[in-house]
Protein backbone atom coordinates (compact mmCIF):
# COMPACT_ATOMS: atom_id res chain seq x y z
CA MET A 1 66.90 26.74 36.38
CA GLU A 2 68.12 29.41 38.87
CA ASP A 3 65.44 31.40 40.66
CA LYS A 4 66.42 35.01 39.95
CA GLY A 5 64.05 36.16 42.68
CA LYS A 6 66.34 34.62 45.29
CA LYS A 7 69.40 36.71 44.58
CA ARG A 8 72.01 36.27 47.29
CA ILE A 9 72.61 39.43 49.38
CA ARG A 10 76.28 40.16 50.06
CA LYS A 11 77.15 40.42 53.74
CA ILE A 12 78.96 43.47 55.12
CA ARG A 13 82.64 42.64 55.55
CA ILE A 14 84.52 44.13 58.50
CA GLY A 15 88.15 43.55 59.48
CA ILE A 16 89.63 44.03 62.96
CA ASP A 17 93.36 44.18 63.60
CA GLY A 18 93.97 42.02 66.68
CA HIS A 19 97.77 41.94 66.55
CA MET A 20 98.05 42.96 70.23
CA ILE A 21 96.23 39.83 71.42
CA GLY A 22 98.70 37.39 72.93
CA ASP A 23 101.52 39.88 73.52
CA ASN A 24 100.88 40.28 77.27
CA SER A 25 100.69 44.06 76.83
CA GLY A 26 98.35 44.77 79.73
CA GLY A 27 95.55 47.27 79.20
CA ASN A 28 95.74 47.43 75.41
CA GLU A 29 95.42 43.68 75.07
CA SER A 30 92.72 43.46 77.73
CA TYR A 31 90.68 46.13 75.94
CA TYR A 32 90.62 44.27 72.63
CA LYS A 33 90.10 40.80 74.11
CA ASN A 34 87.11 41.91 76.15
CA ILE A 35 85.55 44.18 73.52
CA LEU A 36 85.72 41.35 70.98
CA GLN A 37 84.27 38.75 73.33
CA ALA A 38 81.41 41.10 74.29
CA MET A 39 80.46 41.91 70.69
CA ASP A 40 77.07 40.85 69.32
CA ILE A 41 77.68 40.47 65.60
CA PRO A 42 74.67 41.17 63.36
CA SER A 43 73.64 38.29 61.08
CA ASP A 44 74.36 40.35 57.96
CA TRP A 45 78.02 40.93 58.91
CA ASP A 46 81.11 38.84 58.29
CA VAL A 47 83.76 40.02 60.75
CA PHE A 48 87.36 39.00 60.12
CA LEU A 49 89.79 39.05 63.04
CA PHE A 50 93.48 39.31 62.17
CA LEU A 51 95.71 37.50 64.67
CA LYS A 52 99.41 36.71 64.90
CA PRO A 53 100.54 33.10 64.32
CA GLY A 54 100.23 30.89 67.38
CA VAL A 55 97.66 33.00 69.21
CA ASP A 56 94.77 30.93 70.56
CA ALA A 57 91.68 31.62 68.44
CA GLU A 58 89.33 29.51 70.58
CA PRO A 59 87.76 32.51 72.42
CA TYR A 60 86.96 34.17 69.08
CA LYS A 61 84.87 31.54 67.31
CA LYS A 62 82.29 34.08 66.13
CA PHE A 63 84.95 35.74 63.96
CA LYS A 64 86.57 34.55 60.76
CA ILE A 65 90.25 34.25 61.67
CA ILE A 66 93.00 35.50 59.37
CA ARG A 67 96.64 35.05 60.40
CA PHE A 68 99.31 37.68 59.86
CA LYS A 69 102.40 36.29 58.18
CA SER A 70 105.02 38.85 59.25
CA SER A 71 106.20 39.57 62.79
CA ASN A 72 107.48 42.97 61.66
CA ALA A 73 105.12 45.77 62.77
CA ALA A 74 105.84 48.00 59.76
CA VAL A 75 105.21 45.17 57.31
CA ARG A 76 102.06 44.18 59.15
CA ASN A 77 100.62 47.71 59.25
CA PHE A 78 101.62 49.06 55.89
CA ILE A 79 101.89 46.04 53.58
CA GLU A 80 99.89 43.13 54.98
CA LEU A 81 96.85 45.08 56.20
CA PRO A 82 96.26 46.91 52.88
CA THR A 83 96.74 43.65 50.98
CA ILE A 84 94.32 41.72 53.20
CA THR A 85 91.80 44.57 53.08
CA ARG A 86 91.77 44.52 49.27
CA SER A 87 91.74 40.73 48.93
CA LEU A 88 88.79 40.37 51.34
CA LYS A 89 87.00 43.39 49.80
CA LEU A 90 86.39 44.80 53.25
CA ASP A 91 83.79 47.51 53.80
CA LEU A 92 85.46 48.71 57.03
CA LEU A 93 88.77 48.20 58.82
CA HIS A 94 89.42 48.77 62.56
CA THR A 95 93.05 49.21 63.69
CA GLN A 96 94.92 50.32 66.82
CA TYR A 97 97.00 53.53 66.95
CA PHE A 98 98.23 53.32 63.33
CA ILE A 99 96.44 53.03 59.99
CA PRO A 100 97.74 52.00 56.54
CA PHE A 101 98.70 54.74 54.10
CA ILE A 102 96.95 52.89 51.28
CA ARG A 103 93.30 52.33 52.09
CA SER A 104 90.61 50.66 50.01
CA CYS A 105 87.82 51.13 52.59
CA PRO A 106 86.90 53.45 55.49
CA ILE A 107 88.96 53.02 58.66
CA VAL A 108 88.28 53.48 62.37
CA VAL A 109 91.08 53.46 64.93
CA THR A 110 91.53 52.95 68.67
CA ILE A 111 93.95 55.36 70.36
CA HIS A 112 94.16 54.69 74.08
CA ASP A 113 96.18 57.80 74.91
CA ILE A 114 98.79 60.19 73.52
CA CYS A 115 101.26 60.15 76.40
CA PHE A 116 104.16 60.67 73.98
CA GLU A 117 102.83 64.15 73.19
CA HIS A 118 103.39 65.13 76.82
CA TYR A 119 106.43 63.09 77.91
CA LYS A 120 108.89 62.68 75.06
CA ASP A 121 111.81 61.48 77.21
CA ILE A 122 110.09 58.38 78.61
CA PHE A 123 110.06 56.70 75.18
CA THR A 124 112.91 55.37 73.13
CA LYS A 125 113.83 57.71 70.29
CA GLY A 126 112.51 55.27 67.67
CA GLU A 127 109.20 54.72 69.45
CA TYR A 128 108.70 58.44 69.99
CA VAL A 129 109.34 59.30 66.33
CA ARG A 130 107.08 56.50 65.14
CA GLN A 131 104.18 57.62 67.33
CA LYS A 132 104.74 61.31 66.64
CA LEU A 133 104.45 60.72 62.89
CA LEU A 134 101.79 58.01 62.73
CA VAL A 135 99.29 58.59 65.55
CA PRO A 136 98.23 62.14 64.50
CA TYR A 137 97.88 60.86 60.92
CA ALA A 138 95.61 58.02 62.10
CA ALA A 139 93.49 60.35 64.25
CA ARG A 140 92.93 62.80 61.41
CA LYS A 141 92.36 60.32 58.58
CA SER A 142 90.09 57.82 60.34
CA ARG A 143 86.32 58.11 60.10
CA ALA A 144 86.04 57.59 63.87
CA VAL A 145 88.44 57.37 66.80
CA PHE A 146 87.77 55.14 69.81
CA THR A 147 89.46 56.01 73.08
CA VAL A 148 89.06 54.86 76.66
CA SER A 149 88.25 57.93 78.79
CA GLU A 150 86.84 61.43 78.65
CA PHE A 151 90.33 62.64 79.56
CA SER A 152 91.84 61.01 76.46
CA LYS A 153 88.98 62.22 74.26
CA LYS A 154 89.60 65.84 75.23
CA ASP A 155 93.37 65.39 74.92
CA ILE A 156 93.17 63.92 71.40
CA ALA A 157 90.60 66.47 70.18
CA LYS A 158 92.61 69.42 71.49
CA LYS A 159 96.04 68.24 70.38
CA TYR A 160 95.05 67.18 66.86
CA LYS A 161 92.31 69.79 66.35
CA ILE A 162 89.65 67.27 65.39
CA SER A 163 85.97 67.37 66.28
CA PRO A 164 85.09 65.69 69.59
CA ASP A 165 82.05 64.26 67.75
CA ARG A 166 84.41 61.92 65.87
CA ILE A 167 85.86 60.55 69.10
CA LEU A 168 83.93 57.84 70.98
CA VAL A 169 84.67 56.89 74.58
CA THR A 170 84.68 53.11 75.00
CA HIS A 171 85.64 52.64 78.64
CA ASN A 172 87.59 49.69 79.91
CA ALA A 173 85.85 47.45 82.43
CA VAL A 174 86.60 44.32 84.43
CA GLY A 175 85.72 40.76 83.53
CA GLU A 176 83.79 38.37 85.76
CA SER A 177 86.98 36.66 86.96
CA PHE A 178 88.01 39.81 88.86
CA ARG A 179 86.06 39.37 92.10
CA ARG A 180 86.41 38.66 95.78
CA LEU A 181 87.54 35.08 96.38
CA ASN A 182 86.75 32.91 99.36
CA GLU A 183 89.59 31.16 101.24
CA THR A 184 89.24 27.93 99.27
CA GLU A 185 89.36 29.73 95.92
CA LEU A 186 92.24 31.97 96.94
CA ARG A 187 94.70 29.33 98.19
CA GLU A 188 96.73 32.17 99.69
CA ALA A 189 99.51 30.09 101.27
CA GLU A 190 100.16 28.40 97.93
CA LEU A 191 100.15 31.76 96.12
CA ARG A 192 102.58 33.32 98.59
CA LYS A 193 104.94 30.38 98.23
CA GLN A 194 104.72 30.48 94.43
CA PHE A 195 105.88 34.10 94.29
CA GLY A 196 108.22 34.03 97.30
CA ILE A 197 106.18 36.57 99.25
CA GLY A 198 106.34 34.85 102.62
CA LYS A 199 103.93 35.61 105.46
CA ASP A 200 104.27 39.41 105.63
CA PRO A 201 101.40 41.64 104.44
CA TYR A 202 102.14 43.19 101.08
CA ILE A 203 101.44 46.20 98.92
CA LEU A 204 100.71 45.39 95.28
CA THR A 205 101.23 47.33 92.08
CA VAL A 206 100.53 46.12 88.53
CA GLY A 207 101.87 47.48 85.25
CA ASN A 208 104.50 46.86 82.61
CA LEU A 209 107.98 48.01 83.59
CA GLN A 210 108.37 51.34 81.79
CA PRO A 211 108.98 54.95 82.87
CA ARG A 212 105.45 56.33 83.08
CA LYS A 213 104.45 53.71 85.63
CA ASN A 214 106.61 55.75 88.03
CA LEU A 215 107.85 52.70 89.94
CA PRO A 216 111.17 54.19 91.20
CA ARG A 217 109.24 56.77 93.26
CA LEU A 218 106.93 54.08 94.65
CA ILE A 219 109.97 51.98 95.54
CA GLU A 220 111.60 54.97 97.27
CA ALA A 221 108.41 55.63 99.24
CA PHE A 222 108.24 51.93 100.20
CA LYS A 223 111.84 51.94 101.43
CA LYS A 224 111.06 54.95 103.60
CA LEU A 225 108.12 53.04 105.07
CA ARG A 226 110.38 50.10 105.85
CA SER A 227 112.84 52.48 107.54
CA ASP A 228 109.98 53.66 109.74
CA GLY A 229 109.34 50.10 110.86
CA VAL A 230 106.46 49.18 108.50
CA GLU A 231 106.98 45.44 107.93
CA TYR A 232 105.34 45.02 104.55
CA LYS A 233 106.59 43.67 101.26
CA LEU A 234 106.11 45.31 97.86
CA VAL A 235 104.98 43.06 95.00
CA ILE A 236 105.41 44.44 91.47
CA VAL A 237 103.54 42.56 88.71
CA GLY A 238 104.41 43.30 85.09
CA LYS A 239 106.67 42.30 82.24
CA LYS A 240 109.73 44.25 81.14
CA ALA A 241 108.66 46.80 78.52
CA TRP A 242 111.26 49.52 77.85
CA MET A 243 113.68 51.78 79.74
CA TYR A 244 113.30 49.64 82.86
CA TYR A 245 116.92 49.61 84.07
CA GLU A 246 116.28 52.17 86.85
CA ILE A 247 113.35 50.08 88.08
CA LEU A 248 115.41 46.90 88.28
CA THR A 249 118.26 48.72 90.03
CA SER A 250 116.05 50.35 92.66
CA ALA A 251 114.10 47.10 93.21
CA SER A 252 117.15 45.05 94.24
CA ASP A 253 115.84 44.53 97.76
CA GLU A 254 114.73 41.32 99.48
CA ASN A 255 111.44 42.96 100.45
CA ILE A 256 110.58 43.88 96.85
CA ILE A 257 109.32 41.09 94.60
CA LEU A 258 109.22 41.37 90.81
CA THR A 259 106.93 38.66 89.44
CA ASP A 260 107.17 39.49 85.72
CA TYR A 261 103.97 38.72 83.76
CA VAL A 262 101.47 36.50 85.61
CA SER A 263 98.39 34.61 84.49
CA GLU A 264 94.97 36.16 85.05
CA THR A 265 94.16 33.52 87.67
CA ASP A 266 97.29 34.38 89.66
CA LEU A 267 96.67 38.10 89.21
CA VAL A 268 93.18 37.83 90.71
CA GLY A 269 94.68 35.93 93.64
CA LEU A 270 97.40 38.54 94.17
CA TYR A 271 94.80 41.34 94.16
CA ASN A 272 92.69 39.48 96.72
CA ALA A 273 95.56 38.76 99.11
CA ALA A 274 97.07 42.28 99.02
CA GLU A 275 96.55 44.70 101.89
CA LEU A 276 96.65 47.66 99.53
CA PHE A 277 96.94 48.30 95.80
CA VAL A 278 99.02 51.33 94.78
CA TYR A 279 99.11 52.81 91.28
CA PRO A 280 101.75 55.55 90.96
CA SER A 281 101.56 56.06 87.17
CA PHE A 282 101.67 59.73 86.19
CA PHE A 283 99.92 59.31 82.82
CA GLU A 284 97.14 56.91 81.84
CA GLY A 285 94.52 56.86 79.12
CA PHE A 286 92.39 54.82 81.50
CA GLY A 287 94.32 52.82 84.09
CA LEU A 288 92.70 49.39 84.35
CA PRO A 289 94.58 47.81 87.30
CA PRO A 290 92.97 50.04 89.99
CA LEU A 291 89.54 48.99 88.70
CA GLU A 292 90.58 45.33 88.79
CA ALA A 293 91.86 45.74 92.35
CA MET A 294 88.60 47.38 93.47
CA ALA A 295 86.61 44.53 91.91
CA CYS A 296 88.64 42.13 94.06
CA GLY A 297 87.77 44.04 97.23
CA THR A 298 91.19 45.62 97.73
CA PRO A 299 91.56 49.27 98.82
CA VAL A 300 93.46 51.42 96.33
CA ALA A 301 95.73 54.47 96.44
CA VAL A 302 96.33 56.16 93.08
CA SER A 303 97.94 59.15 91.44
CA LYS A 304 95.83 62.25 91.19
CA ALA A 305 96.69 62.54 87.52
CA THR A 306 95.19 62.33 84.01
CA SER A 307 92.33 59.80 83.73
CA LEU A 308 92.75 58.13 87.11
CA THR A 309 90.42 60.46 89.02
CA GLU A 310 87.78 59.73 86.36
CA VAL A 311 88.20 55.97 86.76
CA VAL A 312 88.50 55.81 90.55
CA GLU A 313 86.43 58.86 91.55
CA GLY A 314 85.88 58.79 95.33
CA ALA A 315 86.91 55.16 95.74
CA GLY A 316 90.64 55.72 96.16
CA GLN A 317 93.18 57.54 98.31
CA TYR A 318 94.99 60.07 96.11
CA PHE A 319 98.58 61.28 96.05
CA ASP A 320 100.92 63.45 93.97
CA PRO A 321 102.82 61.00 91.74
CA PHE A 322 105.88 63.26 91.60
CA ASP A 323 106.19 63.56 95.40
CA VAL A 324 107.65 60.52 97.18
CA ASP A 325 106.45 61.73 100.57
CA SER A 326 102.91 62.15 99.20
CA ILE A 327 102.97 58.52 98.01
CA LYS A 328 104.30 57.39 101.40
CA LYS A 329 101.66 59.37 103.30
CA ALA A 330 98.78 57.92 101.23
CA ILE A 331 100.01 54.38 101.88
CA GLU A 332 100.34 55.05 105.61
CA GLN A 333 96.86 56.56 105.79
CA VAL A 334 95.27 53.45 104.32
CA ILE A 335 97.23 50.69 106.05
CA ASN A 336 96.84 52.39 109.46
CA ASP A 337 93.12 53.14 109.26
CA ARG A 338 90.74 50.19 109.17
CA SER A 339 87.65 52.38 108.76
CA LEU A 340 89.24 54.08 105.74
CA GLN A 341 90.06 50.67 104.26
CA THR A 342 86.44 49.57 104.66
CA ARG A 343 85.13 52.77 103.14
CA LEU A 344 87.46 52.51 100.13
CA ILE A 345 86.57 48.84 99.60
CA ASN A 346 82.83 49.52 99.63
CA ARG A 347 83.11 52.53 97.33
CA GLY A 348 85.39 50.57 95.03
CA LEU A 349 82.91 47.75 94.61
CA GLU A 350 80.24 50.33 93.68
CA GLN A 351 82.55 52.17 91.26
CA VAL A 352 83.37 49.01 89.30
CA ASN A 353 79.71 48.65 88.32
CA LYS A 354 79.80 51.93 86.39
CA PHE A 355 81.87 50.32 83.62
CA SER A 356 80.74 47.61 81.20
CA TRP A 357 82.51 45.78 78.37
CA LYS A 358 79.09 45.07 76.88
CA GLN A 359 78.24 48.77 76.63
CA SER A 360 81.63 49.59 75.12
CA ALA A 361 81.34 46.73 72.60
CA GLN A 362 77.86 47.91 71.61
CA LEU A 363 79.16 51.44 71.02
CA VAL A 364 81.89 50.02 68.77
CA CYS A 365 79.32 48.13 66.69
CA ASP A 366 76.98 51.12 66.55
CA THR A 367 79.84 53.25 65.28
CA TYR A 368 80.68 50.68 62.60
CA LYS A 369 77.06 50.94 61.41
CA LYS A 370 77.15 54.74 61.26
CA VAL A 371 80.41 54.77 59.32
CA LEU A 372 79.07 52.17 56.88
CA GLU A 373 75.87 54.18 56.37
CA HIS A 374 77.94 57.18 55.35
CA LYS A 375 80.49 55.23 53.35
CA ALA A 376 81.72 57.28 50.42
């Protein structure tokens, strides 16, 4: 006979859209991978992680894995997600940038930045229209919005006229693999041969090939340096994203190396072996690569724009991203001044410690709890 006094208590059911995992998308993917891995899931929660087919689920054993069936983003967002949410009887759903129109539970969303609201022409027409219609809707209809910097929080609150209290800053951070390597770990000669860098010192930049990364101006500044007799190479790490034709055209130079996407192991090595890391992007919600470079003990020069001064603070040499000569001058100042290099390296290693995936993951979970407590 069943003991009615031992009635089973239903666990809270939370779903997380992880479609960006495995797409080599840079900061967006890194954010989700690290937040998820740093999460401490309460015993009374069942957390379902939705992944695309073929994506390795091994790092996410603490989640219940559900596979998307469609590779079409519209189908995934607006048909599959609502269907899965209903079938699993979720109490909360967490998405990125967009939310379903049909919702059977409260939703929270991550919006890294709203660059498209400021620079329309650096997106394809289709991508601009999609974001212009769907991101404001997600920001206004979600119970909470996660973003990655105070800059983005203020930008989202002001543009969409929503309360800053609904927007939570969950900073990016760097994982343990981003660190200074010794000579044995680095295997620099092997790394240089692998990417065709040769023996020359090199300047490194990291970011998907797309307009806001501002690579043509960096390339122009680099070519001016070469004309002045500076015998460095420029290594550009990042996969082709969109509107990258100008980048490829300007980078057709034997002293400029385009690696495409690289593994994390190779990326850490490239950071360590670089003389200088330069980040010319003119708009970032956070800007993770400078933080990764600092963690690897590499001096950085960055744009004095958007969130980057918040992330780097006094640990970088700044320049105007729209002024080629300003970029050139910042590079020259660092590579020609050993004391400045040392100062930037030391400050960078201190700055990295201000950011923690664990803290950001805890804030995500705490926000889930608050939303669930006030569930309508």
